[in-house]
Amino acid sequence: VKGRFTISRGYARNTWYLQMNSLKPEDTAVYYCNFMG
């Protein structure tokens, strides 16, 4: 997804986004958010 997707934090705490551009059929999936580490 590098070069096509952009992750960003929102102004509200614990809010974030994923901008998805140039989508491909291979991107078809259920998308989830979670913390890491």
PDB file of all heavy atoms in Angstrom:
ATOM      1  N   VAL A   1       0.805  -1.220   0.000  1.00  0.00           N
ATOM      2  CA  VAL A   1       0.000   0.000   0.000  1.00  0.00           C
ATOM      3  C   VAL A   1       0.835   1.265   0.000  1.00  0.00           C
ATOM      4  O   VAL A   1       0.278   2.367  -0.113  1.00  0.00           O
ATOM      5  CB  VAL A   1      -0.970   0.033   1.204  1.00  0.00           C
ATOM      6  CG1 VAL A   1      -1.811  -1.235   1.253  1.00  0.00           C
ATOM      7  CG2 VAL A   1      -0.209   0.226   2.513  1.00  0.00           C
ATOM      8  N   LYS A   2       2.126   1.132   0.105  1.00  0.00           N
ATOM      9  CA  LYS A   2       3.005   2.291   0.167  1.00  0.00           C
ATOM     10  C   LYS A   2       2.844   3.156  -1.080  1.00  0.00           C
ATOM     11  O   LYS A   2       2.846   2.657  -2.202  1.00  0.00           O
ATOM     12  CB  LYS A   2       4.457   1.846   0.317  1.00  0.00           C
ATOM     13  CG  LYS A   2       5.416   2.977   0.648  1.00  0.00           C
ATOM     14  CD  LYS A   2       6.811   2.451   0.939  1.00  0.00           C
ATOM     15  CE  LYS A   2       7.752   3.563   1.357  1.00  0.00           C
ATOM     16  NZ  LYS A   2       9.109   3.042   1.677  1.00  0.00           N
ATOM     17  N   GLY A   3       2.695   4.454  -0.851  1.00  0.00           N
ATOM     18  CA  GLY A   3       2.501   5.389  -1.942  1.00  0.00           C
ATOM     19  C   GLY A   3       1.053   5.620  -2.296  1.00  0.00           C
ATOM     20  O   GLY A   3       0.744   6.552  -3.050  1.00  0.00           O
ATOM     21  N   ARG A   4       0.156   4.802  -1.765  1.00  0.00           N
ATOM     22  CA  ARG A   4      -1.263   4.931  -2.055  1.00  0.00           C
ATOM     23  C   ARG A   4      -2.099   5.259  -0.823  1.00  0.00           C
ATOM     24  O   ARG A   4      -3.108   5.947  -0.920  1.00  0.00           O
ATOM     25  CB  ARG A   4      -1.800   3.644  -2.687  1.00  0.00           C
ATOM     26  CG  ARG A   4      -1.108   3.275  -3.994  1.00  0.00           C
ATOM     27  CD  ARG A   4      -1.773   2.076  -4.659  1.00  0.00           C
ATOM     28  NE  ARG A   4      -1.687   0.876  -3.841  1.00  0.00           N
ATOM     29  CZ  ARG A   4      -2.732   0.233  -3.333  1.00  0.00           C
ATOM     30  NH1 ARG A   4      -3.972   0.675  -3.571  1.00  0.00           N
ATOM     31  NH2 ARG A   4      -2.561  -0.862  -2.609  1.00  0.00           N
ATOM     32  N   PHE A   5      -1.690   4.764   0.337  1.00  0.00           N
ATOM     33  CA  PHE A   5      -2.428   4.977   1.580  1.00  0.00           C
ATOM     34  C   PHE A   5      -1.687   5.964   2.468  1.00  0.00           C
ATOM     35  O   PHE A   5      -0.449   6.021   2.450  1.00  0.00           O
ATOM     36  CB  PHE A   5      -2.594   3.672   2.353  1.00  0.00           C
ATOM     37  CG  PHE A   5      -3.514   2.658   1.711  1.00  0.00           C
ATOM     38  CD1 PHE A   5      -4.011   2.836   0.430  1.00  0.00           C
ATOM     39  CD2 PHE A   5      -3.875   1.520   2.411  1.00  0.00           C
ATOM     40  CE1 PHE A   5      -4.850   1.898  -0.156  1.00  0.00           C
ATOM     41  CE2 PHE A   5      -4.716   0.579   1.841  1.00  0.00           C
ATOM     42  CZ  PHE A   5      -5.203   0.766   0.560  1.00  0.00           C
ATOM     43  N   THR A   6      -2.446   6.716   3.250  1.00  0.00           N
ATOM     44  CA  THR A   6      -1.877   7.664   4.196  1.00  0.00           C
ATOM     45  C   THR A   6      -2.593   7.540   5.530  1.00  0.00           C
ATOM     46  O   THR A   6      -3.812   7.673   5.597  1.00  0.00           O
ATOM     47  CB  THR A   6      -1.992   9.107   3.688  1.00  0.00           C
ATOM     48  OG1 THR A   6      -1.357   9.237   2.411  1.00  0.00           O
ATOM     49  CG2 THR A   6      -1.324  10.067   4.671  1.00  0.00           C
ATOM     50  N   ILE A   7      -1.828   7.300   6.579  1.00  0.00           N
ATOM     51  CA  ILE A   7      -2.397   7.230   7.917  1.00  0.00           C
ATOM     52  C   ILE A   7      -2.134   8.555   8.622  1.00  0.00           C
ATOM     53  O   ILE A   7      -1.083   9.175   8.442  1.00  0.00           O
ATOM     54  CB  ILE A   7      -1.805   6.053   8.721  1.00  0.00           C
ATOM     55  CG1 ILE A   7      -2.529   5.889  10.065  1.00  0.00           C
ATOM     56  CG2 ILE A   7      -0.308   6.228   8.924  1.00  0.00           C
ATOM     57  CD1 ILE A   7      -2.136   4.631  10.827  1.00  0.00           C
ATOM     58  N   SER A   8      -3.086   8.998   9.421  1.00  0.00           N
ATOM     59  CA  SER A   8      -2.933  10.252  10.134  1.00  0.00           C
ATOM     60  C   SER A   8      -3.710  10.217  11.438  1.00  0.00           C
ATOM     61  O   SER A   8      -4.678   9.467  11.587  1.00  0.00           O
ATOM     62  CB  SER A   8      -3.400  11.434   9.276  1.00  0.00           C
ATOM     63  OG  SER A   8      -4.769  11.306   8.942  1.00  0.00           O
ATOM     64  N   ARG A   9      -3.262  11.028  12.377  1.00  0.00           N
ATOM     65  CA  ARG A   9      -3.958  11.177  13.650  1.00  0.00           C
ATOM     66  C   ARG A   9      -4.966  12.309  13.565  1.00  0.00           C
ATOM     67  O   ARG A   9      -4.732  13.322  12.914  1.00  0.00           O
ATOM     68  CB  ARG A   9      -2.957  11.456  14.770  1.00  0.00           C
ATOM     69  CG  ARG A   9      -2.497  10.227  15.528  1.00  0.00           C
ATOM     70  CD  ARG A   9      -1.779  10.640  16.794  1.00  0.00           C
ATOM     71  NE  ARG A   9      -0.402  11.028  16.515  1.00  0.00           N
ATOM     72  CZ  ARG A   9       0.648  10.228  16.646  1.00  0.00           C
ATOM     73  NH1 ARG A   9       0.477   8.993  17.086  1.00  0.00           N
ATOM     74  NH2 ARG A   9       1.859  10.672  16.359  1.00  0.00           N
ATOM     75  N   GLY A  10      -6.083  12.141  14.248  1.00  0.00           N
ATOM     76  CA  GLY A  10      -7.064  13.196  14.317  1.00  0.00           C
ATOM     77  C   GLY A  10      -6.741  14.174  15.427  1.00  0.00           C
ATOM     78  O   GLY A  10      -5.855  13.946  16.250  1.00  0.00           O
ATOM     79  N   TYR A  11      -7.462  15.296  15.437  1.00  0.00           N
ATOM     80  CA  TYR A  11      -7.254  16.276  16.499  1.00  0.00           C
ATOM     81  C   TYR A  11      -7.760  15.752  17.834  1.00  0.00           C
ATOM     82  O   TYR A  11      -7.198  16.071  18.879  1.00  0.00           O
ATOM     83  CB  TYR A  11      -7.950  17.591  16.141  1.00  0.00           C
ATOM     84  CG  TYR A  11      -7.291  18.325  15.007  1.00  0.00           C
ATOM     85  CD1 TYR A  11      -7.864  18.369  13.746  1.00  0.00           C
ATOM     86  CD2 TYR A  11      -6.078  18.975  15.196  1.00  0.00           C
ATOM     87  CE1 TYR A  11      -7.258  19.037  12.699  1.00  0.00           C
ATOM     88  CE2 TYR A  11      -5.458  19.640  14.160  1.00  0.00           C
ATOM     89  CZ  TYR A  11      -6.051  19.665  12.916  1.00  0.00           C
ATOM     90  OH  TYR A  11      -5.439  20.329  11.874  1.00  0.00           O
ATOM     91  N   ALA A  12      -8.800  14.962  17.799  1.00  0.00           N
ATOM     92  CA  ALA A  12      -9.276  14.317  19.012  1.00  0.00           C
ATOM     93  C   ALA A  12      -8.362  13.154  19.361  1.00  0.00           C
ATOM     94  O   ALA A  12      -7.879  12.437  18.478  1.00  0.00           O
ATOM     95  CB  ALA A  12     -10.708  13.823  18.830  1.00  0.00           C
ATOM     96  N   ARG A  13      -8.115  12.970  20.625  1.00  0.00           N
ATOM     97  CA  ARG A  13      -7.269  11.872  21.055  1.00  0.00           C
ATOM     98  C   ARG A  13      -7.933  10.542  20.752  1.00  0.00           C
ATOM     99  O   ARG A  13      -9.143  10.399  20.782  1.00  0.00           O
ATOM    100  CB  ARG A  13      -6.982  11.984  22.553  1.00  0.00           C
ATOM    101  CG  ARG A  13      -6.088  13.146  22.920  1.00  0.00           C
ATOM    102  CD  ARG A  13      -5.726  13.117  24.384  1.00  0.00           C
ATOM    103  NE  ARG A  13      -4.860  14.228  24.751  1.00  0.00           N
ATOM    104  CZ  ARG A  13      -3.537  14.224  24.597  1.00  0.00           C
ATOM    105  NH1 ARG A  13      -2.930  13.178  24.090  1.00  0.00           N
ATOM    106  NH2 ARG A  13      -2.832  15.288  24.963  1.00  0.00           N
ATOM    107  N   ASN A  14      -7.085   9.577  20.416  1.00  0.00           N
ATOM    108  CA  ASN A  14      -7.533   8.226  20.099  1.00  0.00           C
ATOM    109  C   ASN A  14      -8.476   8.200  18.906  1.00  0.00           C
ATOM    110  O   ASN A  14      -9.443   7.438  18.871  1.00  0.00           O
ATOM    111  CB  ASN A  14      -8.186   7.584  21.328  1.00  0.00           C
ATOM    112  CG  ASN A  14      -7.224   7.438  22.481  1.00  0.00           C
ATOM    113  OD1 ASN A  14      -6.076   7.032  22.289  1.00  0.00           O
ATOM    114  ND2 ASN A  14      -7.676   7.764  23.684  1.00  0.00           N
ATOM    115  N   THR A  15      -8.187   9.051  17.949  1.00  0.00           N
ATOM    116  CA  THR A  15      -8.908   9.094  16.689  1.00  0.00           C
ATOM    117  C   THR A  15      -7.881   9.130  15.570  1.00  0.00           C
ATOM    118  O   THR A  15      -6.952   9.932  15.623  1.00  0.00           O
ATOM    119  CB  THR A  15      -9.818  10.329  16.596  1.00  0.00           C
ATOM    120  OG1 THR A  15     -10.750  10.329  17.674  1.00  0.00           O
ATOM    121  CG2 THR A  15     -10.576  10.334  15.283  1.00  0.00           C
ATOM    122  N   TRP A  16      -8.032   8.266  14.587  1.00  0.00           N
ATOM    123  CA  TRP A  16      -7.111   8.280  13.464  1.00  0.00           C
ATOM    124  C   TRP A  16      -7.793   7.820  12.187  1.00  0.00           C
ATOM    125  O   TRP A  16      -8.898   7.286  12.205  1.00  0.00           O
ATOM    126  CB  TRP A  16      -5.829   7.485  13.746  1.00  0.00           C
ATOM    127  CG  TRP A  16      -5.949   6.026  14.091  1.00  0.00           C
ATOM    128  CD1 TRP A  16      -5.670   4.973  13.269  1.00  0.00           C
ATOM    129  CD2 TRP A  16      -6.291   5.467  15.372  1.00  0.00           C
ATOM    130  NE1 TRP A  16      -5.826   3.795  13.959  1.00  0.00           N
ATOM    131  CE2 TRP A  16      -6.204   4.065  15.248  1.00  0.00           C
ATOM    132  CE3 TRP A  16      -6.660   6.009  16.597  1.00  0.00           C
ATOM    133  CZ2 TRP A  16      -6.473   3.190  16.287  1.00  0.00           C
ATOM    134  CZ3 TRP A  16      -6.938   5.139  17.651  1.00  0.00           C
ATOM    135  CH2 TRP A  16      -6.838   3.759  17.496  1.00  0.00           C
ATOM    136  N   TYR A  17      -7.105   8.055  11.056  1.00  0.00           N
ATOM    137  CA  TYR A  17      -7.700   7.887   9.746  1.00  0.00           C
ATOM    138  C   TYR A  17      -6.771   7.136   8.810  1.00  0.00           C
ATOM    139  O   TYR A  17      -5.567   7.042   9.026  1.00  0.00           O
ATOM    140  CB  TYR A  17      -8.014   9.262   9.137  1.00  0.00           C
ATOM    141  CG  TYR A  17      -8.862  10.143  10.018  1.00  0.00           C
ATOM    142  CD1 TYR A  17      -8.276  11.051  10.894  1.00  0.00           C
ATOM    143  CD2 TYR A  17     -10.247  10.060   9.976  1.00  0.00           C
ATOM    144  CE1 TYR A  17      -9.056  11.853  11.715  1.00  0.00           C
ATOM    145  CE2 TYR A  17     -11.032  10.855  10.792  1.00  0.00           C
ATOM    146  CZ  TYR A  17     -10.428  11.744  11.656  1.00  0.00           C
ATOM    147  OH  TYR A  17     -11.210  12.540  12.470  1.00  0.00           O
ATOM    148  N   LEU A  18      -7.370   6.636   7.753  1.00  0.00           N
ATOM    149  CA  LEU A  18      -6.611   6.015   6.679  1.00  0.00           C
ATOM    150  C   LEU A  18      -7.180   6.505   5.358  1.00  0.00           C
ATOM    151  O   LEU A  18      -8.301   6.145   4.994  1.00  0.00           O
ATOM    152  CB  LEU A  18      -6.677   4.492   6.749  1.00  0.00           C
ATOM    153  CG  LEU A  18      -5.819   3.752   5.718  1.00  0.00           C
ATOM    154  CD1 LEU A  18      -4.333   3.959   6.024  1.00  0.00           C
ATOM    155  CD2 LEU A  18      -6.149   2.268   5.702  1.00  0.00           C
ATOM    156  N   GLN A  19      -6.422   7.342   4.675  1.00  0.00           N
ATOM    157  CA  GLN A  19      -6.804   7.798   3.350  1.00  0.00           C
ATOM    158  C   GLN A  19      -6.300   6.785   2.342  1.00  0.00           C
ATOM    159  O   GLN A  19      -5.106   6.504   2.282  1.00  0.00           O
ATOM    160  CB  GLN A  19      -6.206   9.178   3.062  1.00  0.00           C
ATOM    161  CG  GLN A  19      -6.528   9.724   1.681  1.00  0.00           C
ATOM    162  CD  GLN A  19      -7.995  10.013   1.500  1.00  0.00           C
ATOM    163  OE1 GLN A  19      -8.616  10.617   2.360  1.00  0.00           O
ATOM    164  NE2 GLN A  19      -8.565   9.568   0.383  1.00  0.00           N
ATOM    165  N   MET A  20      -7.202   6.249   1.546  1.00  0.00           N
ATOM    166  CA  MET A  20      -6.878   5.193   0.601  1.00  0.00           C
ATOM    167  C   MET A  20      -7.129   5.703  -0.815  1.00  0.00           C
ATOM    168  O   MET A  20      -8.265   5.976  -1.186  1.00  0.00           O
ATOM    169  CB  MET A  20      -7.732   3.955   0.873  1.00  0.00           C
ATOM    170  CG  MET A  20      -7.712   3.507   2.332  1.00  0.00           C
ATOM    171  SD  MET A  20      -9.044   2.346   2.737  1.00  0.00           S
ATOM    172  CE  MET A  20      -8.562   0.934   1.760  1.00  0.00           C
ATOM    173  N   ASN A  21      -6.071   5.831  -1.580  1.00  0.00           N
ATOM    174  CA  ASN A  21      -6.155   6.296  -2.957  1.00  0.00           C
ATOM    175  C   ASN A  21      -5.699   5.207  -3.911  1.00  0.00           C
ATOM    176  O   ASN A  21      -5.020   4.259  -3.523  1.00  0.00           O
ATOM    177  CB  ASN A  21      -5.293   7.547  -3.160  1.00  0.00           C
ATOM    178  CG  ASN A  21      -5.734   8.716  -2.320  1.00  0.00           C
ATOM    179  OD1 ASN A  21      -6.924   8.908  -2.066  1.00  0.00           O
ATOM    180  ND2 ASN A  21      -4.776   9.527  -1.885  1.00  0.00           N
ATOM    181  N   SER A  22      -6.060   5.371  -5.172  1.00  0.00           N
ATOM    182  CA  SER A  22      -5.661   4.422  -6.214  1.00  0.00           C
ATOM    183  C   SER A  22      -5.956   2.990  -5.800  1.00  0.00           C
ATOM    184  O   SER A  22      -5.113   2.097  -5.920  1.00  0.00           O
ATOM    185  CB  SER A  22      -4.174   4.593  -6.537  1.00  0.00           C
ATOM    186  OG  SER A  22      -3.888   5.912  -6.954  1.00  0.00           O
ATOM    187  N   LEU A  23      -7.149   2.779  -5.328  1.00  0.00           N
ATOM    188  CA  LEU A  23      -7.520   1.467  -4.805  1.00  0.00           C
ATOM    189  C   LEU A  23      -7.496   0.399  -5.888  1.00  0.00           C
ATOM    190  O   LEU A  23      -7.829   0.650  -7.053  1.00  0.00           O
ATOM    191  CB  LEU A  23      -8.900   1.532  -4.161  1.00  0.00           C
ATOM    192  CG  LEU A  23      -8.919   2.197  -2.781  1.00  0.00           C
ATOM    193  CD1 LEU A  23     -10.339   2.585  -2.394  1.00  0.00           C
ATOM    194  CD2 LEU A  23      -8.325   1.253  -1.733  1.00  0.00           C
ATOM    195  N   LYS A  24      -7.091  -0.786  -5.478  1.00  0.00           N
ATOM    196  CA  LYS A  24      -7.007  -1.942  -6.353  1.00  0.00           C
ATOM    197  C   LYS A  24      -7.919  -3.046  -5.842  1.00  0.00           C
ATOM    198  O   LYS A  24      -8.230  -3.095  -4.655  1.00  0.00           O
ATOM    199  CB  LYS A  24      -5.568  -2.469  -6.399  1.00  0.00           C
ATOM    200  CG  LYS A  24      -4.525  -1.457  -6.824  1.00  0.00           C
ATOM    201  CD  LYS A  24      -3.131  -2.057  -6.720  1.00  0.00           C
ATOM    202  CE  LYS A  24      -2.072  -1.063  -7.137  1.00  0.00           C
ATOM    203  NZ  LYS A  24      -0.709  -1.648  -7.018  1.00  0.00           N
ATOM    204  N   PRO A  25      -8.341  -3.949  -6.714  1.00  0.00           N
ATOM    205  CA  PRO A  25      -9.158  -5.070  -6.242  1.00  0.00           C
ATOM    206  C   PRO A  25      -8.480  -5.855  -5.125  1.00  0.00           C
ATOM    207  O   PRO A  25      -9.168  -6.393  -4.249  1.00  0.00           O
ATOM    208  CB  PRO A  25      -9.325  -5.923  -7.504  1.00  0.00           C
ATOM    209  CG  PRO A  25      -9.272  -4.939  -8.622  1.00  0.00           C
ATOM    210  CD  PRO A  25      -8.238  -3.934  -8.181  1.00  0.00           C
ATOM    211  N   GLU A  26      -7.161  -5.905  -5.135  1.00  0.00           N
ATOM    212  CA  GLU A  26      -6.420  -6.609  -4.099  1.00  0.00           C
ATOM    213  C   GLU A  26      -6.572  -5.972  -2.723  1.00  0.00           C
ATOM    214  O   GLU A  26      -6.227  -6.593  -1.712  1.00  0.00           O
ATOM    215  CB  GLU A  26      -4.929  -6.671  -4.456  1.00  0.00           C
ATOM    216  CG  GLU A  26      -4.641  -7.391  -5.763  1.00  0.00           C
ATOM    217  CD  GLU A  26      -4.557  -6.440  -6.939  1.00  0.00           C
ATOM    218  OE1 GLU A  26      -5.579  -5.788  -7.248  1.00  0.00           O
ATOM    219  OE2 GLU A  26      -3.467  -6.354  -7.549  1.00  0.00           O
ATOM    220  N   ASP A  27      -7.061  -4.738  -2.671  1.00  0.00           N
ATOM    221  CA  ASP A  27      -7.280  -4.063  -1.398  1.00  0.00           C
ATOM    222  C   ASP A  27      -8.587  -4.482  -0.738  1.00  0.00           C
ATOM    223  O   ASP A  27      -8.856  -4.079   0.395  1.00  0.00           O
ATOM    224  CB  ASP A  27      -7.282  -2.542  -1.589  1.00  0.00           C
ATOM    225  CG  ASP A  27      -5.943  -2.013  -2.072  1.00  0.00           C
ATOM    226  OD1 ASP A  27      -4.900  -2.467  -1.565  1.00  0.00           O
ATOM    227  OD2 ASP A  27      -5.951  -1.134  -2.957  1.00  0.00           O
ATOM    228  N   THR A  28      -9.391  -5.241  -1.433  1.00  0.00           N
ATOM    229  CA  THR A  28     -10.663  -5.691  -0.881  1.00  0.00           C
ATOM    230  C   THR A  28     -10.436  -6.496   0.389  1.00  0.00           C
ATOM    231  O   THR A  28      -9.707  -7.489   0.384  1.00  0.00           O
ATOM    232  CB  THR A  28     -11.424  -6.529  -1.907  1.00  0.00           C
ATOM    233  OG1 THR A  28     -11.757  -5.715  -3.034  1.00  0.00           O
ATOM    234  CG2 THR A  28     -12.708  -7.091  -1.302  1.00  0.00           C
ATOM    235  N   ALA A  29     -11.050  -6.055   1.468  1.00  0.00           N
ATOM    236  CA  ALA A  29     -10.858  -6.693   2.768  1.00  0.00           C
ATOM    237  C   ALA A  29     -11.735  -5.991   3.789  1.00  0.00           C
ATOM    238  O   ALA A  29     -12.333  -4.951   3.512  1.00  0.00           O
ATOM    239  CB  ALA A  29      -9.391  -6.615   3.200  1.00  0.00           C
ATOM    240  N   VAL A  30     -11.791  -6.573   4.969  1.00  0.00           N
ATOM    241  CA  VAL A  30     -12.370  -5.891   6.113  1.00  0.00           C
ATOM    242  C   VAL A  30     -11.236  -5.175   6.831  1.00  0.00           C
ATOM    243  O   VAL A  30     -10.217  -5.798   7.159  1.00  0.00           O
ATOM    244  CB  VAL A  30     -13.082  -6.859   7.067  1.00  0.00           C
ATOM    245  CG1 VAL A  30     -13.638  -6.111   8.269  1.00  0.00           C
ATOM    246  CG2 VAL A  30     -14.204  -7.585   6.338  1.00  0.00           C
ATOM    247  N   TYR A  31     -11.405  -3.902   7.062  1.00  0.00           N
ATOM    248  CA  TYR A  31     -10.367  -3.090   7.676  1.00  0.00           C
ATOM    249  C   TYR A  31     -10.691  -2.820   9.137  1.00  0.00           C
ATOM    250  O   TYR A  31     -11.825  -2.474   9.485  1.00  0.00           O
ATOM    251  CB  TYR A  31     -10.204  -1.770   6.925  1.00  0.00           C
ATOM    252  CG  TYR A  31      -9.483  -1.929   5.611  1.00  0.00           C
ATOM    253  CD1 TYR A  31     -10.096  -2.559   4.535  1.00  0.00           C
ATOM    254  CD2 TYR A  31      -8.175  -1.469   5.447  1.00  0.00           C
ATOM    255  CE1 TYR A  31      -9.430  -2.727   3.335  1.00  0.00           C
ATOM    256  CE2 TYR A  31      -7.506  -1.628   4.247  1.00  0.00           C
ATOM    257  CZ  TYR A  31      -8.132  -2.255   3.200  1.00  0.00           C
ATOM    258  OH  TYR A  31      -7.465  -2.416   2.003  1.00  0.00           O
ATOM    259  N   TYR A  32      -9.690  -2.970   9.980  1.00  0.00           N
ATOM    260  CA  TYR A  32      -9.826  -2.784  11.411  1.00  0.00           C
ATOM    261  C   TYR A  32      -8.776  -1.802  11.912  1.00  0.00           C
ATOM    262  O   TYR A  32      -7.695  -1.687  11.328  1.00  0.00           O
ATOM    263  CB  TYR A  32      -9.617  -4.099  12.162  1.00  0.00           C
ATOM    264  CG  TYR A  32     -10.517  -5.233  11.748  1.00  0.00           C
ATOM    265  CD1 TYR A  32     -10.174  -6.065  10.689  1.00  0.00           C
ATOM    266  CD2 TYR A  32     -11.688  -5.490  12.440  1.00  0.00           C
ATOM    267  CE1 TYR A  32     -10.986  -7.124  10.317  1.00  0.00           C
ATOM    268  CE2 TYR A  32     -12.506  -6.544  12.077  1.00  0.00           C
ATOM    269  CZ  TYR A  32     -12.150  -7.356  11.022  1.00  0.00           C
ATOM    270  OH  TYR A  32     -12.959  -8.407  10.664  1.00  0.00           O
ATOM    271  N   CYS A  33      -9.085  -1.131  12.995  1.00  0.00           N
ATOM    272  CA  CYS A  33      -8.088  -0.322  13.666  1.00  0.00           C
ATOM    273  C   CYS A  33      -7.806  -0.901  15.043  1.00  0.00           C
ATOM    274  O   CYS A  33      -8.638  -1.590  15.630  1.00  0.00           O
ATOM    275  CB  CYS A  33      -8.521   1.148  13.783  1.00  0.00           C
ATOM    276  SG  CYS A  33     -10.075   1.449  14.649  1.00  0.00           S
ATOM    277  N   ASN A  34      -6.622  -0.638  15.526  1.00  0.00           N
ATOM    278  CA  ASN A  34      -6.206  -1.103  16.831  1.00  0.00           C
ATOM    279  C   ASN A  34      -4.913  -0.382  17.176  1.00  0.00           C
ATOM    280  O   ASN A  34      -4.319   0.287  16.333  1.00  0.00           O
ATOM    281  CB  ASN A  34      -5.986  -2.621  16.836  1.00  0.00           C
ATOM    282  CG  ASN A  34      -6.228  -3.247  18.196  1.00  0.00           C
ATOM    283  OD1 ASN A  34      -5.704  -2.782  19.208  1.00  0.00           O
ATOM    284  ND2 ASN A  34      -7.038  -4.316  18.225  1.00  0.00           N
ATOM    285  N   PHE A  35      -4.504  -0.508  18.406  1.00  0.00           N
ATOM    286  CA  PHE A  35      -3.195  -0.020  18.785  1.00  0.00           C
ATOM    287  C   PHE A  35      -2.140  -1.015  18.327  1.00  0.00           C
ATOM    288  O   PHE A  35      -2.448  -2.119  17.866  1.00  0.00           O
ATOM    289  CB  PHE A  35      -3.119   0.198  20.291  1.00  0.00           C
ATOM    290  CG  PHE A  35      -4.103   1.213  20.808  1.00  0.00           C
ATOM    291  CD1 PHE A  35      -4.965   0.899  21.852  1.00  0.00           C
ATOM    292  CD2 PHE A  35      -4.172   2.479  20.256  1.00  0.00           C
ATOM    293  CE1 PHE A  35      -5.862   1.826  22.344  1.00  0.00           C
ATOM    294  CE2 PHE A  35      -5.079   3.418  20.732  1.00  0.00           C
ATOM    295  CZ  PHE A  35      -5.922   3.087  21.778  1.00  0.00           C
ATOM    296  N   MET A  36      -0.890  -0.616  18.462  1.00  0.00           N
ATOM    297  CA  MET A  36       0.217  -1.485  18.086  1.00  0.00           C
ATOM    298  C   MET A  36       1.172  -1.636  19.255  1.00  0.00           C
ATOM    299  O   MET A  36       1.124  -0.881  20.219  1.00  0.00           O
ATOM    300  CB  MET A  36       0.979  -0.900  16.895  1.00  0.00           C
ATOM    301  CG  MET A  36       0.164  -0.694  15.639  1.00  0.00           C
ATOM    302  SD  MET A  36       1.211  -0.208  14.237  1.00  0.00           S
ATOM    303  CE  MET A  36       1.938   1.303  14.884  1.00  0.00           C
ATOM    304  N   GLY A  37       2.034  -2.610  19.139  1.00  0.00           N
ATOM    305  CA  GLY A  37       3.057  -2.805  20.151  1.00  0.00           C
ATOM    306  C   GLY A  37       2.485  -3.192  21.499  1.00  0.00           C
ATOM    307  O   GLY A  37       1.525  -3.963  21.602  1.00  0.00           O
TER     308      GLY A  37
END
